[in-house]
Amino acid sequence: MRKNLLSLPMLALLACTAAQAQTVYRIVGPDGKVTFSDRAPDNATKSTATTTNPATGAVGSTTGLPLELSRIAQRFPVTLYTGSDCAPCTSARSLLVNRGVPFTERTVSTNEDLDALRKLSGDTSLPYGTIGGQRMVGFQDTEWTQYLDVAGYPKASQLTASYRRPAATPLTAAAPAAAAPAAAASDVPAATASPRARPAPSTEGPSPTNPQGIRF
């Protein structure tokens, strides 16, 4: 009875966010032109379905998934935020991998990542995960399993042998390295500095060709 009571609010939360999940189709036309649409393409074109998590904006791909699993992943995309040397993060990742849940992993390792995570979750605790619009801070096997069950993810992996899980990516893009400032002229060692041009010989005063030192 307790299990049913727990499932009802979870089901309601997931159902409310299902309509918000967006599916975007990448369509390649006969002429090679690529367009994006929220409508499924016809059979004459190739397409790749992507999912946008309504809670975080994270984008994932459902390419290569079995049809039913692809539909579930489009309705309730899973995103996992992890850090290094984080045992609970490893446990959360293992649960998803072993169950065959396609997910997007974002790593948190810089101050910029922490700031972005705080904006998303209101905290910097890891792991942080989302299933559709449902947010989960920390990892508890029973909690994550219940939400995955309610979302409809299979209890056993249905992924094909050819499926490759996307590589984890940083939560924020790395800032470009600043260009090294040009060395000032005074910083150039004397040995490498360009020699100064010697002044032209003075024409003032007597000389062998001008004994009187006449100036014009």
Protein backbone atom coordinates (compact mmCIF):
# COMPACT_ATOMS: atom_id res chain seq x y z
CA MET A 1 0.00 0.00 0.00
CA ARG A 2 2.85 2.34 0.85
CA LYS A 3 4.40 1.67 -2.52
CA ASN A 4 1.20 2.72 -4.32
CA LEU A 5 0.98 5.92 -2.31
CA LEU A 6 4.54 6.80 -3.24
CA SER A 7 3.95 6.09 -6.91
CA LEU A 8 0.90 8.34 -7.32
CA PRO A 9 2.63 11.69 -6.70
CA MET A 10 5.61 10.58 -8.75
CA LEU A 11 3.32 9.56 -11.61
CA ALA A 12 1.57 12.92 -11.45
CA LEU A 13 4.85 14.83 -11.53
CA LEU A 14 6.17 12.88 -14.47
CA ALA A 15 2.88 13.11 -16.34
CA CYS A 16 2.85 16.89 -15.95
CA THR A 17 6.29 17.21 -17.45
CA ALA A 18 5.77 14.73 -20.29
CA ALA A 19 3.94 17.29 -22.40
CA GLN A 20 6.78 19.77 -21.87
CA ALA A 21 9.52 17.50 -23.25
CA GLN A 22 10.31 18.53 -26.77
CA THR A 23 11.35 16.27 -29.61
CA VAL A 24 13.32 17.93 -32.40
CA TYR A 25 13.93 16.10 -35.69
CA ARG A 26 17.07 16.70 -37.72
CA ILE A 27 15.97 16.20 -41.32
CA VAL A 28 18.37 15.71 -44.22
CA GLY A 29 16.68 16.39 -47.57
CA PRO A 30 17.51 14.78 -50.94
CA ASP A 31 19.70 17.77 -51.77
CA GLY A 32 21.66 17.36 -48.53
CA LYS A 33 20.08 20.40 -46.89
CA VAL A 34 19.62 20.00 -43.13
CA THR A 35 16.52 21.38 -41.40
CA PHE A 36 15.05 21.00 -37.91
CA SER A 37 11.37 20.49 -37.12
CA ASP A 38 9.10 19.38 -34.29
CA ARG A 39 7.17 17.24 -36.80
CA ALA A 40 8.27 13.73 -37.68
CA PRO A 41 9.71 13.55 -41.21
CA ASP A 42 8.22 11.41 -43.98
CA ASN A 43 9.86 8.18 -45.12
CA ALA A 44 11.72 9.90 -47.96
CA THR A 45 14.11 11.64 -45.60
CA LYS A 46 16.61 10.61 -42.97
CA SER A 47 16.16 11.88 -39.44
CA THR A 48 17.77 11.89 -36.05
CA ALA A 49 15.52 12.50 -33.04
CA THR A 50 16.87 14.57 -30.17
CA THR A 51 15.39 15.26 -26.75
CA THR A 52 15.38 18.52 -24.81
CA ASN A 53 15.04 18.21 -21.04
CA PRO A 54 12.40 20.77 -19.97
CA ALA A 55 14.01 21.18 -16.54
CA THR A 56 17.59 21.81 -17.62
CA GLY A 57 17.66 22.40 -21.36
CA ALA A 58 20.10 19.52 -21.81
CA VAL A 59 19.93 18.00 -25.28
CA GLY A 60 20.37 14.29 -25.91
CA SER A 61 20.03 11.90 -28.82
CA THR A 62 17.82 8.84 -29.24
CA THR A 63 19.56 7.61 -32.37
CA GLY A 64 20.03 3.84 -32.47
CA LEU A 65 17.57 3.04 -29.67
CA PRO A 66 14.78 0.44 -29.91
CA LEU A 67 11.52 2.15 -30.86
CA GLU A 68 9.73 1.85 -27.49
CA LEU A 69 12.83 2.87 -25.52
CA SER A 70 13.30 5.81 -27.88
CA ARG A 71 9.76 6.99 -27.17
CA ILE A 72 10.33 6.81 -23.42
CA ALA A 73 13.64 8.67 -23.70
CA GLN A 74 11.94 11.41 -25.72
CA ARG A 75 9.19 11.83 -23.13
CA PHE A 76 11.42 11.56 -20.03
CA PRO A 77 15.05 12.33 -20.98
CA VAL A 78 17.57 11.51 -18.26
CA THR A 79 20.49 13.79 -17.41
CA LEU A 80 23.12 12.98 -14.79
CA TYR A 81 25.49 15.57 -13.31
CA THR A 82 28.66 14.10 -11.81
CA GLY A 83 31.99 15.07 -10.29
CA SER A 84 35.36 13.43 -9.89
CA ASP A 85 36.09 11.27 -6.82
CA CYS A 86 32.35 11.03 -6.19
CA ALA A 87 31.28 7.53 -5.10
CA PRO A 88 27.51 8.30 -5.23
CA CYS A 89 28.01 9.64 -8.77
CA THR A 90 29.57 6.32 -9.75
CA SER A 91 26.63 4.45 -8.19
CA ALA A 92 24.08 6.56 -10.07
CA ARG A 93 25.92 6.07 -13.36
CA SER A 94 26.16 2.31 -12.78
CA LEU A 95 22.42 2.07 -12.11
CA LEU A 96 21.60 3.79 -15.41
CA VAL A 97 24.17 1.85 -17.41
CA ASN A 98 23.23 -1.55 -16.00
CA ARG A 99 19.53 -0.90 -16.52
CA GLY A 100 20.14 0.24 -20.09
CA VAL A 101 18.79 3.76 -19.57
CA PRO A 102 20.08 6.18 -22.23
CA PHE A 103 21.24 9.35 -20.52
CA THR A 104 23.30 12.49 -20.93
CA GLU A 105 26.16 12.99 -18.48
CA ARG A 106 27.49 16.45 -17.61
CA THR A 107 30.60 16.81 -15.49
CA VAL A 108 31.13 19.45 -12.81
CA SER A 109 34.78 20.27 -12.18
CA THR A 110 35.30 24.05 -12.32
CA ASN A 111 33.95 27.06 -10.45
CA GLU A 112 31.96 27.95 -13.56
CA ASP A 113 30.43 24.46 -13.52
CA LEU A 114 29.50 24.86 -9.85
CA ASP A 115 27.83 28.21 -10.53
CA ALA A 116 25.85 26.68 -13.40
CA LEU A 117 24.84 23.71 -11.24
CA ARG A 118 23.68 26.03 -8.47
CA LYS A 119 21.45 27.85 -10.95
CA LEU A 120 19.96 24.55 -12.12
CA SER A 121 19.41 22.81 -8.79
CA GLY A 122 19.73 25.51 -6.16
CA ASP A 123 22.63 23.55 -4.64
CA THR A 124 26.06 22.18 -5.49
CA SER A 125 25.50 18.65 -4.18
CA LEU A 126 26.42 15.77 -6.47
CA PRO A 127 25.19 13.68 -8.05
CA TYR A 128 22.27 15.67 -9.38
CA GLY A 129 19.86 14.06 -11.81
CA THR A 130 16.72 14.74 -13.78
CA ILE A 131 14.18 12.34 -15.25
CA GLY A 132 11.93 14.46 -17.42
CA GLY A 133 11.07 17.39 -15.17
CA GLN A 134 11.72 15.49 -11.94
CA ARG A 135 14.83 16.68 -10.08
CA MET A 136 16.84 14.50 -7.71
CA VAL A 137 19.67 15.69 -5.47
CA GLY A 138 22.01 13.00 -4.21
CA PHE A 139 21.62 9.30 -4.93
CA GLN A 140 19.36 6.73 -3.35
CA ASP A 141 18.93 3.53 -5.31
CA THR A 142 15.28 3.04 -4.33
CA GLU A 143 14.29 6.62 -5.19
CA TRP A 144 15.93 6.60 -8.62
CA THR A 145 14.55 3.14 -9.36
CA GLN A 146 11.00 4.23 -8.50
CA TYR A 147 11.12 7.23 -10.80
CA LEU A 148 12.60 5.19 -13.63
CA ASP A 149 9.83 2.62 -13.14
CA VAL A 150 7.12 5.28 -13.23
CA ALA A 151 8.65 6.84 -16.36
CA GLY A 152 8.37 3.43 -18.03
CA TYR A 153 12.03 2.55 -18.50
CA PRO A 154 12.53 -1.24 -18.84
CA LYS A 155 13.88 -2.98 -15.75
CA ALA A 156 16.40 -4.84 -17.91
CA SER A 157 18.55 -3.35 -20.64
CA GLN A 158 17.12 -3.40 -24.16
CA LEU A 159 20.07 -1.63 -25.74
CA THR A 160 21.62 -3.28 -28.76
CA ALA A 161 25.27 -4.34 -28.84
CA SER A 162 26.01 -1.54 -31.31
CA TYR A 163 24.73 1.20 -29.02
CA ARG A 164 27.41 3.58 -27.78
CA ARG A 165 26.73 5.81 -24.82
CA PRO A 166 27.57 9.48 -25.52
CA ALA A 167 30.73 10.70 -23.82
CA ALA A 168 30.35 12.91 -20.75
CA THR A 169 30.77 16.62 -21.43
CA PRO A 170 31.54 19.57 -19.11
CA LEU A 171 28.55 21.47 -17.80
CA THR A 172 30.01 24.73 -19.06
CA ALA A 173 32.25 25.36 -22.05
CA ALA A 174 35.91 26.01 -21.28
CA ALA A 175 36.92 29.65 -21.63
CA PRO A 176 39.38 30.28 -24.46
CA ALA A 177 42.96 30.76 -23.34
CA ALA A 178 44.03 34.40 -23.21
CA ALA A 179 46.62 35.41 -25.77
CA ALA A 180 50.07 36.08 -24.31
CA PRO A 181 50.84 39.83 -24.29
CA ALA A 182 53.46 41.00 -26.73
CA ALA A 183 56.85 41.50 -25.12
CA ALA A 184 57.74 45.15 -24.53
CA ALA A 185 60.84 46.47 -26.20
CA SER A 186 62.43 46.96 -22.77
CA ASP A 187 61.88 43.24 -22.00
CA VAL A 188 63.95 42.06 -24.96
CA PRO A 189 67.42 40.93 -23.83
CA ALA A 190 70.23 43.18 -24.98
CA ALA A 191 71.85 40.28 -26.82
CA THR A 192 68.76 39.80 -29.00
CA ALA A 193 67.74 43.45 -29.36
CA SER A 194 68.12 44.96 -32.78
CA PRO A 195 71.32 47.07 -32.94
CA ARG A 196 70.73 50.75 -33.16
CA ALA A 197 71.76 52.47 -36.36
CA ARG A 198 74.99 54.36 -35.97
CA PRO A 199 74.76 58.14 -36.59
CA ALA A 200 76.19 59.41 -39.86
CA PRO A 201 79.67 60.90 -39.55
CA SER A 202 79.58 64.58 -38.76
CA THR A 203 80.37 66.89 -41.64
CA GLU A 204 81.13 69.82 -39.36
CA GLY A 205 84.68 71.09 -39.05
CA PRO A 206 87.71 70.58 -41.29
CA SER A 207 88.21 67.36 -43.17
CA PRO A 208 90.72 66.09 -45.74
CA THR A 209 88.34 67.09 -48.52
CA ASN A 210 87.27 70.34 -46.79
CA PRO A 211 90.31 71.67 -44.93
CA GLN A 212 88.61 74.97 -44.13
CA GLY A 213 85.46 73.41 -42.69
CA ILE A 214 83.23 75.43 -44.97
CA ARG A 215 79.49 74.88 -44.41
CA PHE A 216 76.85 75.62 -47.07
